[in-house]
Amino acid sequence: MIREGNIAMYDYNDEDENRKHYGQSTPPVYNMTSIPNDLPLFLSYGGAAALSDVKDVQLLLDSLKDHDGDKLVV
């Protein structure tokens, strides 16, 4: 997310390794619209957390903007 600005599977930083795992040279992007809108979700992050940058969390929340509001807790 930090480098590419999208939500994708793990990047092995090697086209051959990515191809071995995913059948393509780059990691596939997650299809966030495949998450049912009525599936309850709880997202938690801290302002100083090393692995959950506020900008990345906002990108994730933006991708879930169509989720039922009463089913998403942040």
PDB file of N, CA and C in Angstrom:
ATOM      1  N   MET A   1       0.817  -1.194   0.000  1.00  0.00           N
ATOM      2  CA  MET A   1       0.000   0.000   0.000  1.00  0.00           C
ATOM      3  C   MET A   1       0.856   1.252   0.000  1.00  0.00           C
ATOM      4  N   ILE A   2       1.917   1.220   0.748  1.00  0.00           N
ATOM      5  CA  ILE A   2       2.747   2.412   0.871  1.00  0.00           C
ATOM      6  C   ILE A   2       3.372   2.772  -0.471  1.00  0.00           C
ATOM      7  N   ARG A   3       3.936   1.788  -1.156  1.00  0.00           N
ATOM      8  CA  ARG A   3       4.645   2.066  -2.409  1.00  0.00           C
ATOM      9  C   ARG A   3       3.725   2.275  -3.594  1.00  0.00           C
ATOM     10  N   GLU A   4       2.690   1.444  -3.695  1.00  0.00           N
ATOM     11  CA  GLU A   4       1.858   1.441  -4.902  1.00  0.00           C
ATOM     12  C   GLU A   4       0.536   2.170  -4.747  1.00  0.00           C
ATOM     13  N   GLY A   5       0.091   2.396  -3.516  1.00  0.00           N
ATOM     14  CA  GLY A   5      -1.171   3.084  -3.309  1.00  0.00           C
ATOM     15  C   GLY A   5      -2.389   2.215  -3.585  1.00  0.00           C
ATOM     16  N   ASN A   6      -2.222   0.896  -3.539  1.00  0.00           N
ATOM     17  CA  ASN A   6      -3.359   0.001  -3.704  1.00  0.00           C
ATOM     18  C   ASN A   6      -3.273  -1.118  -2.666  1.00  0.00           C
ATOM     19  N   ILE A   7      -4.341  -1.898  -2.586  1.00  0.00           N
ATOM     20  CA  ILE A   7      -4.400  -2.977  -1.612  1.00  0.00           C
ATOM     21  C   ILE A   7      -4.208  -4.279  -2.377  1.00  0.00           C
ATOM     22  N   ALA A   8      -3.002  -4.845  -2.266  1.00  0.00           N
ATOM     23  CA  ALA A   8      -2.647  -6.009  -3.071  1.00  0.00           C
ATOM     24  C   ALA A   8      -2.044  -7.101  -2.198  1.00  0.00           C
ATOM     25  N   MET A   9      -1.953  -8.278  -2.777  1.00  0.00           N
ATOM     26  CA  MET A   9      -1.304  -9.391  -2.100  1.00  0.00           C
ATOM     27  C   MET A   9       0.189  -9.103  -1.955  1.00  0.00           C
ATOM     28  N   TYR A  10       0.864  -9.938  -1.188  1.00  0.00           N
ATOM     29  CA  TYR A  10       2.284  -9.749  -0.906  1.00  0.00           C
ATOM     30  C   TYR A  10       3.099  -9.686  -2.199  1.00  0.00           C
ATOM     31  N   ASP A  11       3.983  -8.703  -2.275  1.00  0.00           N
ATOM     32  CA  ASP A  11       4.873  -8.561  -3.432  1.00  0.00           C
ATOM     33  C   ASP A  11       6.229  -9.158  -3.071  1.00  0.00           C
ATOM     34  N   TYR A  12       6.622 -10.188  -3.805  1.00  0.00           N
ATOM     35  CA  TYR A  12       7.897 -10.856  -3.557  1.00  0.00           C
ATOM     36  C   TYR A  12       9.083 -10.066  -4.107  1.00  0.00           C
ATOM     37  N   ASN A  13       8.809  -8.924  -4.740  1.00  0.00           N
ATOM     38  CA  ASN A  13       9.843  -8.069  -5.334  1.00  0.00           C
ATOM     39  C   ASN A  13      10.716  -8.823  -6.323  1.00  0.00           C
ATOM     40  N   ASP A  14      10.137  -9.829  -6.939  1.00  0.00           N
ATOM     41  CA  ASP A  14      10.820 -10.625  -7.942  1.00  0.00           C
ATOM     42  C   ASP A  14       9.734 -11.147  -8.889  1.00  0.00           C
ATOM     43  N   GLU A  15       9.831 -10.769 -10.167  1.00  0.00           N
ATOM     44  CA  GLU A  15       8.794 -11.154 -11.119  1.00  0.00           C
ATOM     45  C   GLU A  15       8.604 -12.663 -11.197  1.00  0.00           C
ATOM     46  N   ASP A  16       9.698 -13.421 -11.141  1.00  0.00           N
ATOM     47  CA  ASP A  16       9.591 -14.877 -11.209  1.00  0.00           C
ATOM     48  C   ASP A  16       8.875 -15.448  -9.982  1.00  0.00           C
ATOM     49  N   GLU A  17       9.206 -14.925  -8.802  1.00  0.00           N
ATOM     50  CA  GLU A  17       8.537 -15.391  -7.583  1.00  0.00           C
ATOM     51  C   GLU A  17       7.052 -15.019  -7.605  1.00  0.00           C
ATOM     52  N   ASN A  18       6.742 -13.794  -8.016  1.00  0.00           N
ATOM     53  CA  ASN A  18       5.342 -13.395  -8.124  1.00  0.00           C
ATOM     54  C   ASN A  18       4.609 -14.306  -9.102  1.00  0.00           C
ATOM     55  N   ARG A  19       5.247 -14.605 -10.225  1.00  0.00           N
ATOM     56  CA  ARG A  19       4.646 -15.466 -11.237  1.00  0.00           C
ATOM     57  C   ARG A  19       4.414 -16.875 -10.679  1.00  0.00           C
ATOM     58  N   LYS A  20       5.372 -17.354  -9.880  1.00  0.00           N
ATOM     59  CA  LYS A  20       5.265 -18.683  -9.263  1.00  0.00           C
ATOM     60  C   LYS A  20       4.050 -18.762  -8.329  1.00  0.00           C
ATOM     61  N   HIS A  21       3.831 -17.694  -7.563  1.00  0.00           N
ATOM     62  CA  HIS A  21       2.754 -17.687  -6.579  1.00  0.00           C
ATOM     63  C   HIS A  21       1.409 -17.245  -7.150  1.00  0.00           C
ATOM     64  N   TYR A  22       1.436 -16.306  -8.104  1.00  0.00           N
ATOM     65  CA  TYR A  22       0.197 -15.685  -8.565  1.00  0.00           C
ATOM     66  C   TYR A  22      -0.111 -15.902 -10.047  1.00  0.00           C
ATOM     67  N   GLY A  23       0.869 -16.432 -10.796  1.00  0.00           N
ATOM     68  CA  GLY A  23       0.656 -16.607 -12.225  1.00  0.00           C
ATOM     69  C   GLY A  23       0.777 -15.322 -13.014  1.00  0.00           C
ATOM     70  N   GLN A  24       1.358 -14.309 -12.403  1.00  0.00           N
ATOM     71  CA  GLN A  24       1.595 -13.026 -13.071  1.00  0.00           C
ATOM     72  C   GLN A  24       2.789 -12.345 -12.415  1.00  0.00           C
ATOM     73  N   SER A  25       3.360 -11.367 -13.107  1.00  0.00           N
ATOM     74  CA  SER A  25       4.606 -10.753 -12.638  1.00  0.00           C
ATOM     75  C   SER A  25       4.423  -9.801 -11.460  1.00  0.00           C
ATOM     76  N   THR A  26       3.221  -9.338 -11.243  1.00  0.00           N
ATOM     77  CA  THR A  26       2.936  -8.437 -10.128  1.00  0.00           C
ATOM     78  C   THR A  26       1.862  -9.058  -9.246  1.00  0.00           C
ATOM     79  N   PRO A  27       1.848  -8.704  -7.962  1.00  0.00           N
ATOM     80  CA  PRO A  27       0.825  -9.286  -7.086  1.00  0.00           C
ATOM     81  C   PRO A  27      -0.562  -8.770  -7.457  1.00  0.00           C
ATOM     82  N   PRO A  28      -1.575  -9.638  -7.386  1.00  0.00           N
ATOM     83  CA  PRO A  28      -2.925  -9.188  -7.699  1.00  0.00           C
ATOM     84  C   PRO A  28      -3.464  -8.229  -6.645  1.00  0.00           C
ATOM     85  N   VAL A  29      -4.278  -7.308  -7.104  1.00  0.00           N
ATOM     86  CA  VAL A  29      -4.942  -6.354  -6.222  1.00  0.00           C
ATOM     87  C   VAL A  29      -6.172  -7.039  -5.637  1.00  0.00           C
ATOM     88  N   TYR A  30      -6.402  -6.827  -4.346  1.00  0.00           N
ATOM     89  CA  TYR A  30      -7.594  -7.384  -3.716  1.00  0.00           C
ATOM     90  C   TYR A  30      -8.831  -6.673  -4.253  1.00  0.00           C
ATOM     91  N   ASN A  31      -9.875  -7.429  -4.521  1.00  0.00           N
ATOM     92  CA  ASN A  31     -11.142  -6.868  -4.966  1.00  0.00           C
ATOM     93  C   ASN A  31     -11.982  -6.578  -3.727  1.00  0.00           C
ATOM     94  N   MET A  32     -11.902  -5.355  -3.239  1.00  0.00           N
ATOM     95  CA  MET A  32     -12.592  -4.997  -2.007  1.00  0.00           C
ATOM     96  C   MET A  32     -14.108  -5.018  -2.173  1.00  0.00           C
ATOM     97  N   THR A  33     -14.598  -4.896  -3.399  1.00  0.00           N
ATOM     98  CA  THR A  33     -16.047  -4.937  -3.617  1.00  0.00           C
ATOM     99  C   THR A  33     -16.600  -6.346  -3.447  1.00  0.00           C
ATOM    100  N   SER A  34     -15.719  -7.351  -3.367  1.00  0.00           N
ATOM    101  CA  SER A  34     -16.202  -8.716  -3.157  1.00  0.00           C
ATOM    102  C   SER A  34     -16.543  -8.983  -1.689  1.00  0.00           C
ATOM    103  N   ILE A  35     -16.185  -8.054  -0.794  1.00  0.00           N
ATOM    104  CA  ILE A  35     -16.558  -8.185   0.612  1.00  0.00           C
ATOM    105  C   ILE A  35     -18.030  -7.799   0.719  1.00  0.00           C
ATOM    106  N   PRO A  36     -18.883  -8.703   1.194  1.00  0.00           N
ATOM    107  CA  PRO A  36     -20.309  -8.366   1.294  1.00  0.00           C
ATOM    108  C   PRO A  36     -20.524  -7.108   2.139  1.00  0.00           C
ATOM    109  N   ASN A  37     -21.379  -6.209   1.663  1.00  0.00           N
ATOM    110  CA  ASN A  37     -21.623  -4.937   2.358  1.00  0.00           C
ATOM    111  C   ASN A  37     -22.241  -5.118   3.735  1.00  0.00           C
ATOM    112  N   ASP A  38     -22.879  -6.275   3.965  1.00  0.00           N
ATOM    113  CA  ASP A  38     -23.510  -6.496   5.265  1.00  0.00           C
ATOM    114  C   ASP A  38     -22.667  -7.352   6.205  1.00  0.00           C
ATOM    115  N   LEU A  39     -21.425  -7.658   5.787  1.00  0.00           N
ATOM    116  CA  LEU A  39     -20.520  -8.420   6.647  1.00  0.00           C
ATOM    117  C   LEU A  39     -19.997  -7.511   7.754  1.00  0.00           C
ATOM    118  N   PRO A  40     -20.182  -7.854   9.022  1.00  0.00           N
ATOM    119  CA  PRO A  40     -19.660  -7.014  10.093  1.00  0.00           C
ATOM    120  C   PRO A  40     -18.126  -6.949  10.041  1.00  0.00           C
ATOM    121  N   LEU A  41     -17.583  -5.743  10.098  1.00  0.00           N
ATOM    122  CA  LEU A  41     -16.134  -5.534  10.091  1.00  0.00           C
ATOM    123  C   LEU A  41     -15.748  -4.647  11.262  1.00  0.00           C
ATOM    124  N   PHE A  42     -14.639  -4.976  11.890  1.00  0.00           N
ATOM    125  CA  PHE A  42     -14.065  -4.151  12.943  1.00  0.00           C
ATOM    126  C   PHE A  42     -12.637  -3.838  12.540  1.00  0.00           C
ATOM    127  N   LEU A  43     -12.318  -2.565  12.393  1.00  0.00           N
ATOM    128  CA  LEU A  43     -10.960  -2.138  12.040  1.00  0.00           C
ATOM    129  C   LEU A  43     -10.399  -1.336  13.197  1.00  0.00           C
ATOM    130  N   SER A  44      -9.184  -1.661  13.577  1.00  0.00           N
ATOM    131  CA  SER A  44      -8.532  -0.974  14.671  1.00  0.00           C
ATOM    132  C   SER A  44      -7.126  -0.574  14.251  1.00  0.00           C
ATOM    133  N   TYR A  45      -6.730   0.621  14.599  1.00  0.00           N
ATOM    134  CA  TYR A  45      -5.375   1.075  14.305  1.00  0.00           C
ATOM    135  C   TYR A  45      -4.985   2.136  15.316  1.00  0.00           C
ATOM    136  N   GLY A  46      -3.689   2.333  15.468  1.00  0.00           N
ATOM    137  CA  GLY A  46      -3.186   3.344  16.387  1.00  0.00           C
ATOM    138  C   GLY A  46      -2.402   4.400  15.622  1.00  0.00           C
ATOM    139  N   GLY A  47      -2.462   5.603  16.075  1.00  0.00           N
ATOM    140  CA  GLY A  47      -1.802   6.706  15.385  1.00  0.00           C
ATOM    141  C   GLY A  47      -0.297   6.558  15.254  1.00  0.00           C
ATOM    142  N   ALA A  48       0.332   5.820  16.167  1.00  0.00           N
ATOM    143  CA  ALA A  48       1.782   5.653  16.124  1.00  0.00           C
ATOM    144  C   ALA A  48       2.194   4.235  15.740  1.00  0.00           C
ATOM    145  N   ALA A  49       1.245   3.446  15.244  1.00  0.00           N
ATOM    146  CA  ALA A  49       1.555   2.063  14.874  1.00  0.00           C
ATOM    147  C   ALA A  49       2.426   2.028  13.621  1.00  0.00           C
ATOM    148  N   ALA A  50       3.446   1.178  13.632  1.00  0.00           N
ATOM    149  CA  ALA A  50       4.380   1.099  12.507  1.00  0.00           C
ATOM    150  C   ALA A  50       3.766   0.430  11.283  1.00  0.00           C
ATOM    151  N   LEU A  51       2.816  -0.469  11.480  1.00  0.00           N
ATOM    152  CA  LEU A  51       2.255  -1.222  10.357  1.00  0.00           C
ATOM    153  C   LEU A  51       0.886  -0.736   9.902  1.00  0.00           C
ATOM    154  N   SER A  52       0.343   0.278  10.530  1.00  0.00           N
ATOM    155  CA  SER A  52      -0.964   0.789  10.118  1.00  0.00           C
ATOM    156  C   SER A  52      -0.919   2.309  10.013  1.00  0.00           C
ATOM    157  N   ASP A  53      -0.224   2.772   9.015  1.00  0.00           N
ATOM    158  CA  ASP A  53      -0.108   4.192   8.751  1.00  0.00           C
ATOM    159  C   ASP A  53      -1.504   4.786   8.532  1.00  0.00           C
ATOM    160  N   VAL A  54      -1.737   5.972   9.066  1.00  0.00           N
ATOM    161  CA  VAL A  54      -3.046   6.617   8.978  1.00  0.00           C
ATOM    162  C   VAL A  54      -3.485   6.780   7.525  1.00  0.00           C
ATOM    163  N   LYS A  55      -2.574   7.120   6.625  1.00  0.00           N
ATOM    164  CA  LYS A  55      -2.918   7.267   5.204  1.00  0.00           C
ATOM    165  C   LYS A  55      -3.353   5.930   4.603  1.00  0.00           C
ATOM    166  N   ASP A  56      -2.683   4.852   4.988  1.00  0.00           N
ATOM    167  CA  ASP A  56      -3.052   3.528   4.491  1.00  0.00           C
ATOM    168  C   ASP A  56      -4.422   3.112   5.018  1.00  0.00           C
ATOM    169  N   VAL A  57      -4.679   3.417   6.285  1.00  0.00           N
ATOM    170  CA  VAL A  57      -5.988   3.096   6.861  1.00  0.00           C
ATOM    171  C   VAL A  57      -7.069   3.871   6.126  1.00  0.00           C
ATOM    172  N   GLN A  58      -6.809   5.124   5.802  1.00  0.00           N
ATOM    173  CA  GLN A  58      -7.797   5.922   5.073  1.00  0.00           C
ATOM    174  C   GLN A  58      -8.040   5.340   3.682  1.00  0.00           C
ATOM    175  N   LEU A  59      -6.992   4.852   3.036  1.00  0.00           N
ATOM    176  CA  LEU A  59      -7.150   4.191   1.735  1.00  0.00           C
ATOM    177  C   LEU A  59      -8.053   2.967   1.869  1.00  0.00           C
ATOM    178  N   LEU A  60      -7.834   2.182   2.920  1.00  0.00           N
ATOM    179  CA  LEU A  60      -8.676   1.017   3.170  1.00  0.00           C
ATOM    180  C   LEU A  60     -10.122   1.441   3.417  1.00  0.00           C
ATOM    181  N   LEU A  61     -10.316   2.450   4.253  1.00  0.00           N
ATOM    182  CA  LEU A  61     -11.675   2.921   4.538  1.00  0.00           C
ATOM    183  C   LEU A  61     -12.353   3.457   3.284  1.00  0.00           C
ATOM    184  N   ASP A  62     -11.618   4.145   2.439  1.00  0.00           N
ATOM    185  CA  ASP A  62     -12.178   4.651   1.187  1.00  0.00           C
ATOM    186  C   ASP A  62     -12.648   3.499   0.307  1.00  0.00           C
ATOM    187  N   SER A  63     -11.901   2.393   0.320  1.00  0.00           N
ATOM    188  CA  SER A  63     -12.277   1.244  -0.504  1.00  0.00           C
ATOM    189  C   SER A  63     -13.508   0.535   0.056  1.00  0.00           C
ATOM    190  N   LEU A  64     -13.851   0.825   1.308  1.00  0.00           N
ATOM    191  CA  LEU A  64     -15.019   0.221   1.949  1.00  0.00           C
ATOM    192  C   LEU A  64     -16.164   1.221   2.105  1.00  0.00           C
ATOM    193  N   LYS A  65     -16.139   2.310   1.349  1.00  0.00           N
ATOM    194  CA  LYS A  65     -17.116   3.387   1.526  1.00  0.00           C
ATOM    195  C   LYS A  65     -18.558   2.952   1.283  1.00  0.00           C
ATOM    196  N   ASP A  66     -18.776   1.891   0.516  1.00  0.00           N
ATOM    197  CA  ASP A  66     -20.132   1.415   0.248  1.00  0.00           C
ATOM    198  C   ASP A  66     -20.610   0.390   1.274  1.00  0.00           C
ATOM    199  N   HIS A  67     -19.765   0.100   2.252  1.00  0.00           N
ATOM    200  CA  HIS A  67     -20.124  -0.876   3.281  1.00  0.00           C
ATOM    201  C   HIS A  67     -21.222  -0.298   4.157  1.00  0.00           C
ATOM    202  N   ASP A  68     -22.149  -1.166   4.612  1.00  0.00           N
ATOM    203  CA  ASP A  68     -23.211  -0.715   5.504  1.00  0.00           C
ATOM    204  C   ASP A  68     -22.591  -0.048   6.725  1.00  0.00           C
ATOM    205  N   GLY A  69     -22.982   1.203   6.980  1.00  0.00           N
ATOM    206  CA  GLY A  69     -22.395   1.971   8.075  1.00  0.00           C
ATOM    207  C   GLY A  69     -22.548   1.338   9.429  1.00  0.00           C
ATOM    208  N   ASP A  70     -23.665   0.637   9.649  1.00  0.00           N
ATOM    209  CA  ASP A  70     -23.867   0.017  10.955  1.00  0.00           C
ATOM    210  C   ASP A  70     -23.154  -1.323  11.076  1.00  0.00           C
ATOM    211  N   LYS A  71     -22.467  -1.743  10.025  1.00  0.00           N
ATOM    212  CA  LYS A  71     -21.709  -3.006  10.049  1.00  0.00           C
ATOM    213  C   LYS A  71     -20.189  -2.779  10.050  1.00  0.00           C
ATOM    214  N   LEU A  72     -19.787  -1.517  10.083  1.00  0.00           N
ATOM    215  CA  LEU A  72     -18.354  -1.177  10.045  1.00  0.00           C
ATOM    216  C   LEU A  72     -18.022  -0.332  11.269  1.00  0.00           C
ATOM    217  N   VAL A  73     -17.140  -0.863  12.104  1.00  0.00           N
ATOM    218  CA  VAL A  73     -16.705  -0.155  13.300  1.00  0.00           C
ATOM    219  C   VAL A  73     -15.214   0.118  13.166  1.00  0.00           C
ATOM    220  N   VAL A  74     -14.836   1.375  13.357  1.00  0.00           N
ATOM    221  CA  VAL A  74     -13.426   1.766  13.277  1.00  0.00           C
ATOM    222  C   VAL A  74     -13.000   2.303  14.630  1.00  0.00           C
TER     223      VAL A  74
END
